[in-house]
Amino acid sequence: MPQPVIVVSGLPRSGTSLAMQAIHAGGIEPVTDGERVADPDNPRGYYEFERVKALRTDKAWLDGAAGKVVKVIHMLVPELPDDRPYRIVFMERTLEEVLASQSTMLARSGRAGAALPADRLKAIYEQQLRQVHEWIAARPNFAILRVPYRAFVTEPGAQVDRIADFIGLDLDRSAMVRAVDPSLYRNKA
């Protein structure tokens, strides 16, 4: 059986960069291009790969991603082809915290956000998450571990054990725990 592609997913601002940092610290090579650099909102970096944004039309890079970890935003997970195994570490954060973090990031960058009221955006995210989880559940080659962001930051040892056991490789768990910086948990609801 081929090595799975390890995917970190979730809503924007749900802790996906943190999960990427921890898994990388544990010893798994990230698929990243370094184009989006660290900033005050993600001082340790975003761990993104620009080609993921074109997943609908460009899947060729996945051939080199087996045994590595890549961040795929929640809405692009259904674009992953059914031709290989995946282990998805899905970060979950309360929608109130996600929205607060997004608002803070937009304000800091001087950009305008979506012209939607927070309650409407929350309803859209809830629907999107339902759809993505239903899609994943219908595919036997997609295994998923849902990781609560708050628990990951406040009890990293327990969550690191869950993630390492789920991935199924011999990871440096203490390095993964050290990658978690509770001081970066700034938008709490």
C-alpha atoms as a PDB file:
ATOM      1  CA  MET A   1       0.000   0.000   0.000  1.00  0.00           C
ATOM      2  CA  PRO A   2       1.405   3.446  -0.865  1.00  0.00           C
ATOM      3  CA  GLN A   3       2.269   5.926   1.864  1.00  0.00           C
ATOM      4  CA  PRO A   4      -0.615   8.277   2.595  1.00  0.00           C
ATOM      5  CA  VAL A   5      -0.527  11.976   1.899  1.00  0.00           C
ATOM      6  CA  ILE A   6      -0.878  13.679   5.272  1.00  0.00           C
ATOM      7  CA  VAL A   7      -3.221  16.637   4.951  1.00  0.00           C
ATOM      8  CA  VAL A   8      -3.786  19.388   7.489  1.00  0.00           C
ATOM      9  CA  SER A   9      -7.117  21.091   6.914  1.00  0.00           C
ATOM     10  CA  GLY A  10      -9.685  23.312   8.551  1.00  0.00           C
ATOM     11  CA  LEU A  11     -11.179  26.748   8.234  1.00  0.00           C
ATOM     12  CA  PRO A  12      -8.874  29.728   7.764  1.00  0.00           C
ATOM     13  CA  ARG A  13      -7.517  30.762  11.202  1.00  0.00           C
ATOM     14  CA  SER A  14      -8.409  27.413  12.801  1.00  0.00           C
ATOM     15  CA  GLY A  15      -4.873  26.366  13.726  1.00  0.00           C
ATOM     16  CA  THR A  16      -3.754  24.714  10.498  1.00  0.00           C
ATOM     17  CA  SER A  17      -0.361  26.469  10.555  1.00  0.00           C
ATOM     18  CA  LEU A  18       0.182  25.316  14.130  1.00  0.00           C
ATOM     19  CA  ALA A  19      -0.602  21.728  13.151  1.00  0.00           C
ATOM     20  CA  MET A  20       1.785  21.962  10.190  1.00  0.00           C
ATOM     21  CA  GLN A  21       4.535  23.327  12.454  1.00  0.00           C
ATOM     22  CA  ALA A  22       4.056  20.557  15.007  1.00  0.00           C
ATOM     23  CA  ILE A  23       3.960  17.748  12.439  1.00  0.00           C
ATOM     24  CA  HIS A  24       7.039  19.162  10.732  1.00  0.00           C
ATOM     25  CA  ALA A  25       8.821  19.393  14.109  1.00  0.00           C
ATOM     26  CA  GLY A  26       7.904  15.745  14.626  1.00  0.00           C
ATOM     27  CA  GLY A  27       9.895  14.780  11.565  1.00  0.00           C
ATOM     28  CA  ILE A  28       7.568  14.862   8.565  1.00  0.00           C
ATOM     29  CA  GLU A  29       8.641  16.917   5.569  1.00  0.00           C
ATOM     30  CA  PRO A  30       6.150  19.654   4.678  1.00  0.00           C
ATOM     31  CA  VAL A  31       5.046  20.399   1.140  1.00  0.00           C
ATOM     32  CA  THR A  32       5.512  24.163   1.133  1.00  0.00           C
ATOM     33  CA  ASP A  33       7.032  26.811  -1.079  1.00  0.00           C
ATOM     34  CA  GLY A  34       7.707  29.579   1.444  1.00  0.00           C
ATOM     35  CA  GLU A  35       5.950  32.162  -0.716  1.00  0.00           C
ATOM     36  CA  ARG A  36       3.694  33.326   2.098  1.00  0.00           C
ATOM     37  CA  VAL A  37       6.134  34.481   4.729  1.00  0.00           C
ATOM     38  CA  ALA A  38       5.703  34.824   8.470  1.00  0.00           C
ATOM     39  CA  ASP A  39       3.952  37.960   9.692  1.00  0.00           C
ATOM     40  CA  PRO A  40       2.416  39.213  12.962  1.00  0.00           C
ATOM     41  CA  ASP A  41      -0.651  36.998  12.424  1.00  0.00           C
ATOM     42  CA  ASN A  42       1.451  33.857  11.928  1.00  0.00           C
ATOM     43  CA  PRO A  43       4.899  34.670  13.335  1.00  0.00           C
ATOM     44  CA  ARG A  44       6.114  31.110  12.730  1.00  0.00           C
ATOM     45  CA  GLY A  45       4.930  30.991   9.137  1.00  0.00           C
ATOM     46  CA  TYR A  46       1.951  29.703   7.203  1.00  0.00           C
ATOM     47  CA  TYR A  47       3.397  26.479   5.741  1.00  0.00           C
ATOM     48  CA  GLU A  48       1.450  26.920   2.514  1.00  0.00           C
ATOM     49  CA  PHE A  49       1.980  25.635  -1.003  1.00  0.00           C
ATOM     50  CA  GLU A  50       0.558  27.905  -3.711  1.00  0.00           C
ATOM     51  CA  ARG A  51      -0.226  25.041  -6.102  1.00  0.00           C
ATOM     52  CA  VAL A  52      -2.828  23.772  -3.620  1.00  0.00           C
ATOM     53  CA  LYS A  53      -5.003  26.748  -4.620  1.00  0.00           C
ATOM     54  CA  ALA A  54      -5.146  25.296  -8.156  1.00  0.00           C
ATOM     55  CA  LEU A  55      -6.013  21.783  -6.961  1.00  0.00           C
ATOM     56  CA  ARG A  56      -9.092  21.671  -9.200  1.00  0.00           C
ATOM     57  CA  THR A  57      -6.874  21.755 -12.289  1.00  0.00           C
ATOM     58  CA  ASP A  58      -3.384  20.806 -11.016  1.00  0.00           C
ATOM     59  CA  LYS A  59      -3.062  17.545  -9.109  1.00  0.00           C
ATOM     60  CA  ALA A  60       0.325  16.467 -10.506  1.00  0.00           C
ATOM     61  CA  TRP A  61       2.240  17.677  -7.417  1.00  0.00           C
ATOM     62  CA  LEU A  62       0.406  15.096  -5.268  1.00  0.00           C
ATOM     63  CA  ASP A  63       2.617  12.366  -6.747  1.00  0.00           C
ATOM     64  CA  GLY A  64       5.516  13.801  -4.746  1.00  0.00           C
ATOM     65  CA  ALA A  65       3.500  14.333  -1.562  1.00  0.00           C
ATOM     66  CA  ALA A  66       3.216  10.740  -0.313  1.00  0.00           C
ATOM     67  CA  GLY A  67       4.609  10.516   3.214  1.00  0.00           C
ATOM     68  CA  LYS A  68       4.724  14.311   3.503  1.00  0.00           C
ATOM     69  CA  VAL A  69       2.344  16.827   5.070  1.00  0.00           C
ATOM     70  CA  VAL A  70       0.501  19.517   3.117  1.00  0.00           C
ATOM     71  CA  LYS A  71      -2.040  22.151   4.123  1.00  0.00           C
ATOM     72  CA  VAL A  72      -5.296  22.077   2.142  1.00  0.00           C
ATOM     73  CA  ILE A  73      -8.035  24.554   3.022  1.00  0.00           C
ATOM     74  CA  HIS A  74     -11.329  22.850   3.941  1.00  0.00           C
ATOM     75  CA  MET A  75     -13.162  23.717   0.724  1.00  0.00           C
ATOM     76  CA  LEU A  76     -10.463  22.164  -1.466  1.00  0.00           C
ATOM     77  CA  VAL A  77     -10.388  18.781   0.299  1.00  0.00           C
ATOM     78  CA  PRO A  78     -13.084  17.419  -2.086  1.00  0.00           C
ATOM     79  CA  GLU A  79     -10.736  18.213  -4.975  1.00  0.00           C
ATOM     80  CA  LEU A  80      -8.239  15.614  -3.739  1.00  0.00           C
ATOM     81  CA  PRO A  81      -8.342  12.625  -6.111  1.00  0.00           C
ATOM     82  CA  ASP A  82      -9.634   9.279  -4.847  1.00  0.00           C
ATOM     83  CA  ASP A  83      -6.585   7.435  -6.207  1.00  0.00           C
ATOM     84  CA  ARG A  84      -4.435   7.361  -3.058  1.00  0.00           C
ATOM     85  CA  PRO A  85      -4.708   7.156   0.740  1.00  0.00           C
ATOM     86  CA  TYR A  86      -4.942  10.284   2.888  1.00  0.00           C
ATOM     87  CA  ARG A  87      -4.679  10.996   6.591  1.00  0.00           C
ATOM     88  CA  ILE A  88      -6.418  14.285   7.324  1.00  0.00           C
ATOM     89  CA  VAL A  89      -5.672  16.180  10.521  1.00  0.00           C
ATOM     90  CA  PHE A  90      -8.676  18.492  10.625  1.00  0.00           C
ATOM     91  CA  MET A  91      -8.313  21.468  12.945  1.00  0.00           C
ATOM     92  CA  GLU A  92     -11.478  22.583  14.695  1.00  0.00           C
ATOM     93  CA  ARG A  93     -11.883  25.930  16.403  1.00  0.00           C
ATOM     94  CA  THR A  94     -15.041  27.624  17.597  1.00  0.00           C
ATOM     95  CA  LEU A  95     -16.503  29.742  14.846  1.00  0.00           C
ATOM     96  CA  GLU A  96     -16.540  32.750  17.151  1.00  0.00           C
ATOM     97  CA  GLU A  97     -12.759  32.463  17.561  1.00  0.00           C
ATOM     98  CA  VAL A  98     -12.234  31.862  13.835  1.00  0.00           C
ATOM     99  CA  LEU A  99     -14.238  34.981  12.979  1.00  0.00           C
ATOM    100  CA  ALA A 100     -12.470  37.060  15.645  1.00  0.00           C
ATOM    101  CA  SER A 101      -9.060  35.921  14.378  1.00  0.00           C
ATOM    102  CA  GLN A 102     -10.004  36.653  10.768  1.00  0.00           C
ATOM    103  CA  SER A 103     -11.265  40.104  11.745  1.00  0.00           C
ATOM    104  CA  THR A 104      -8.064  40.866  13.669  1.00  0.00           C
ATOM    105  CA  MET A 105      -5.919  39.716  10.749  1.00  0.00           C
ATOM    106  CA  LEU A 106      -7.856  41.812   8.236  1.00  0.00           C
ATOM    107  CA  ALA A 107      -7.711  44.884  10.462  1.00  0.00           C
ATOM    108  CA  ARG A 108      -3.960  44.467  10.978  1.00  0.00           C
ATOM    109  CA  SER A 109      -3.367  44.179   7.232  1.00  0.00           C
ATOM    110  CA  GLY A 110      -5.678  47.086   6.404  1.00  0.00           C
ATOM    111  CA  ARG A 111      -7.825  44.917   4.134  1.00  0.00           C
ATOM    112  CA  ALA A 112     -11.583  44.790   4.067  1.00  0.00           C
ATOM    113  CA  GLY A 113     -13.238  41.489   4.852  1.00  0.00           C
ATOM    114  CA  ALA A 114     -16.301  39.915   3.325  1.00  0.00           C
ATOM    115  CA  ALA A 115     -19.273  42.233   3.326  1.00  0.00           C
ATOM    116  CA  LEU A 116     -21.268  39.680   5.289  1.00  0.00           C
ATOM    117  CA  PRO A 117     -22.511  39.965   8.840  1.00  0.00           C
ATOM    118  CA  ALA A 118     -20.730  37.597  11.255  1.00  0.00           C
ATOM    119  CA  ASP A 119     -23.851  35.471  11.798  1.00  0.00           C
ATOM    120  CA  ARG A 120     -24.237  34.924   8.030  1.00  0.00           C
ATOM    121  CA  LEU A 121     -20.563  34.007   7.630  1.00  0.00           C
ATOM    122  CA  LYS A 122     -20.875  31.644  10.588  1.00  0.00           C
ATOM    123  CA  ALA A 123     -23.853  29.900   8.929  1.00  0.00           C
ATOM    124  CA  ILE A 124     -21.905  29.565   5.666  1.00  0.00           C
ATOM    125  CA  TYR A 125     -18.922  28.038   7.479  1.00  0.00           C
ATOM    126  CA  GLU A 126     -21.196  25.605   9.337  1.00  0.00           C
ATOM    127  CA  GLN A 127     -22.713  24.452   6.035  1.00  0.00           C
ATOM    128  CA  GLN A 128     -19.295  24.131   4.374  1.00  0.00           C
ATOM    129  CA  LEU A 129     -17.924  22.086   7.265  1.00  0.00           C
ATOM    130  CA  ARG A 130     -20.940  19.758   7.159  1.00  0.00           C
ATOM    131  CA  GLN A 131     -20.459  19.220   3.422  1.00  0.00           C
ATOM    132  CA  VAL A 132     -16.730  18.554   3.705  1.00  0.00           C
ATOM    133  CA  HIS A 133     -17.135  16.099   6.590  1.00  0.00           C
ATOM    134  CA  GLU A 134     -19.908  14.238   4.728  1.00  0.00           C
ATOM    135  CA  TRP A 135     -17.701  14.052   1.630  1.00  0.00           C
ATOM    136  CA  ILE A 136     -14.744  12.686   3.626  1.00  0.00           C
ATOM    137  CA  ALA A 137     -16.927  10.156   5.475  1.00  0.00           C
ATOM    138  CA  ALA A 138     -18.060   8.685   2.143  1.00  0.00           C
ATOM    139  CA  ARG A 139     -14.497   7.856   1.052  1.00  0.00           C
ATOM    140  CA  PRO A 140     -12.739   4.845   2.550  1.00  0.00           C
ATOM    141  CA  ASN A 141      -9.259   6.036   1.499  1.00  0.00           C
ATOM    142  CA  PHE A 142      -9.672   9.231   3.581  1.00  0.00           C
ATOM    143  CA  ALA A 143      -9.025   8.838   7.309  1.00  0.00           C
ATOM    144  CA  ILE A 144      -9.718  11.878   9.471  1.00  0.00           C
ATOM    145  CA  LEU A 145      -8.709  13.014  12.936  1.00  0.00           C
ATOM    146  CA  ARG A 146     -10.560  16.044  14.249  1.00  0.00           C
ATOM    147  CA  VAL A 147      -8.300  18.083  16.546  1.00  0.00           C
ATOM    148  CA  PRO A 148      -9.770  20.810  18.763  1.00  0.00           C
ATOM    149  CA  TYR A 149      -7.561  23.878  18.562  1.00  0.00           C
ATOM    150  CA  ARG A 150      -8.108  24.981  22.165  1.00  0.00           C
ATOM    151  CA  ALA A 151      -7.127  21.522  23.490  1.00  0.00           C
ATOM    152  CA  PHE A 152      -4.093  21.437  21.193  1.00  0.00           C
ATOM    153  CA  VAL A 153      -2.834  24.722  22.646  1.00  0.00           C
ATOM    154  CA  THR A 154      -3.757  24.037  26.282  1.00  0.00           C
ATOM    155  CA  GLU A 155      -2.949  20.290  26.396  1.00  0.00           C
ATOM    156  CA  PRO A 156      -0.444  19.783  23.597  1.00  0.00           C
ATOM    157  CA  GLY A 157       0.894  16.471  24.913  1.00  0.00           C
ATOM    158  CA  ALA A 158      -2.451  14.700  24.681  1.00  0.00           C
ATOM    159  CA  GLN A 159      -3.200  16.113  21.230  1.00  0.00           C
ATOM    160  CA  VAL A 160       0.291  15.361  19.931  1.00  0.00           C
ATOM    161  CA  ASP A 161      -0.171  11.741  21.042  1.00  0.00           C
ATOM    162  CA  ARG A 162      -3.480  11.582  19.168  1.00  0.00           C
ATOM    163  CA  ILE A 163      -1.938  13.084  16.027  1.00  0.00           C
ATOM    164  CA  ALA A 164       1.186  10.879  16.107  1.00  0.00           C
ATOM    165  CA  ASP A 165      -0.880   7.721  16.711  1.00  0.00           C
ATOM    166  CA  PHE A 166      -3.217   8.690  13.869  1.00  0.00           C
ATOM    167  CA  ILE A 167      -0.402   9.373  11.412  1.00  0.00           C
ATOM    168  CA  GLY A 168       1.151   6.076  12.423  1.00  0.00           C
ATOM    169  CA  LEU A 169       4.801   7.026  12.107  1.00  0.00           C
ATOM    170  CA  ASP A 170       7.560   7.259  14.690  1.00  0.00           C
ATOM    171  CA  LEU A 171       7.464  11.004  15.316  1.00  0.00           C
ATOM    172  CA  ASP A 172       9.433  13.128  17.766  1.00  0.00           C
ATOM    173  CA  ARG A 173       6.537  13.841  20.099  1.00  0.00           C
ATOM    174  CA  SER A 174       8.505  16.071  22.449  1.00  0.00           C
ATOM    175  CA  ALA A 175       9.571  18.284  19.518  1.00  0.00           C
ATOM    176  CA  MET A 176       5.933  18.431  18.430  1.00  0.00           C
ATOM    177  CA  VAL A 177       4.885  19.600  21.902  1.00  0.00           C
ATOM    178  CA  ARG A 178       7.654  22.220  21.914  1.00  0.00           C
ATOM    179  CA  ALA A 179       6.304  23.586  18.607  1.00  0.00           C
ATOM    180  CA  VAL A 180       3.102  24.668  20.369  1.00  0.00           C
ATOM    181  CA  ASP A 181       3.350  28.235  21.673  1.00  0.00           C
ATOM    182  CA  PRO A 182       0.343  29.030  23.907  1.00  0.00           C
ATOM    183  CA  SER A 183       1.160  32.761  23.734  1.00  0.00           C
ATOM    184  CA  LEU A 184      -0.010  32.726  20.113  1.00  0.00           C
ATOM    185  CA  TYR A 185      -3.542  31.766  21.188  1.00  0.00           C
ATOM    186  CA  ARG A 186      -4.738  35.361  21.093  1.00  0.00           C
ATOM    187  CA  ASN A 187      -8.328  35.388  19.840  1.00  0.00           C
ATOM    188  CA  LYS A 188     -10.399  33.586  22.447  1.00  0.00           C
ATOM    189  CA  ALA A 189     -14.160  33.393  22.643  1.00  0.00           C
END
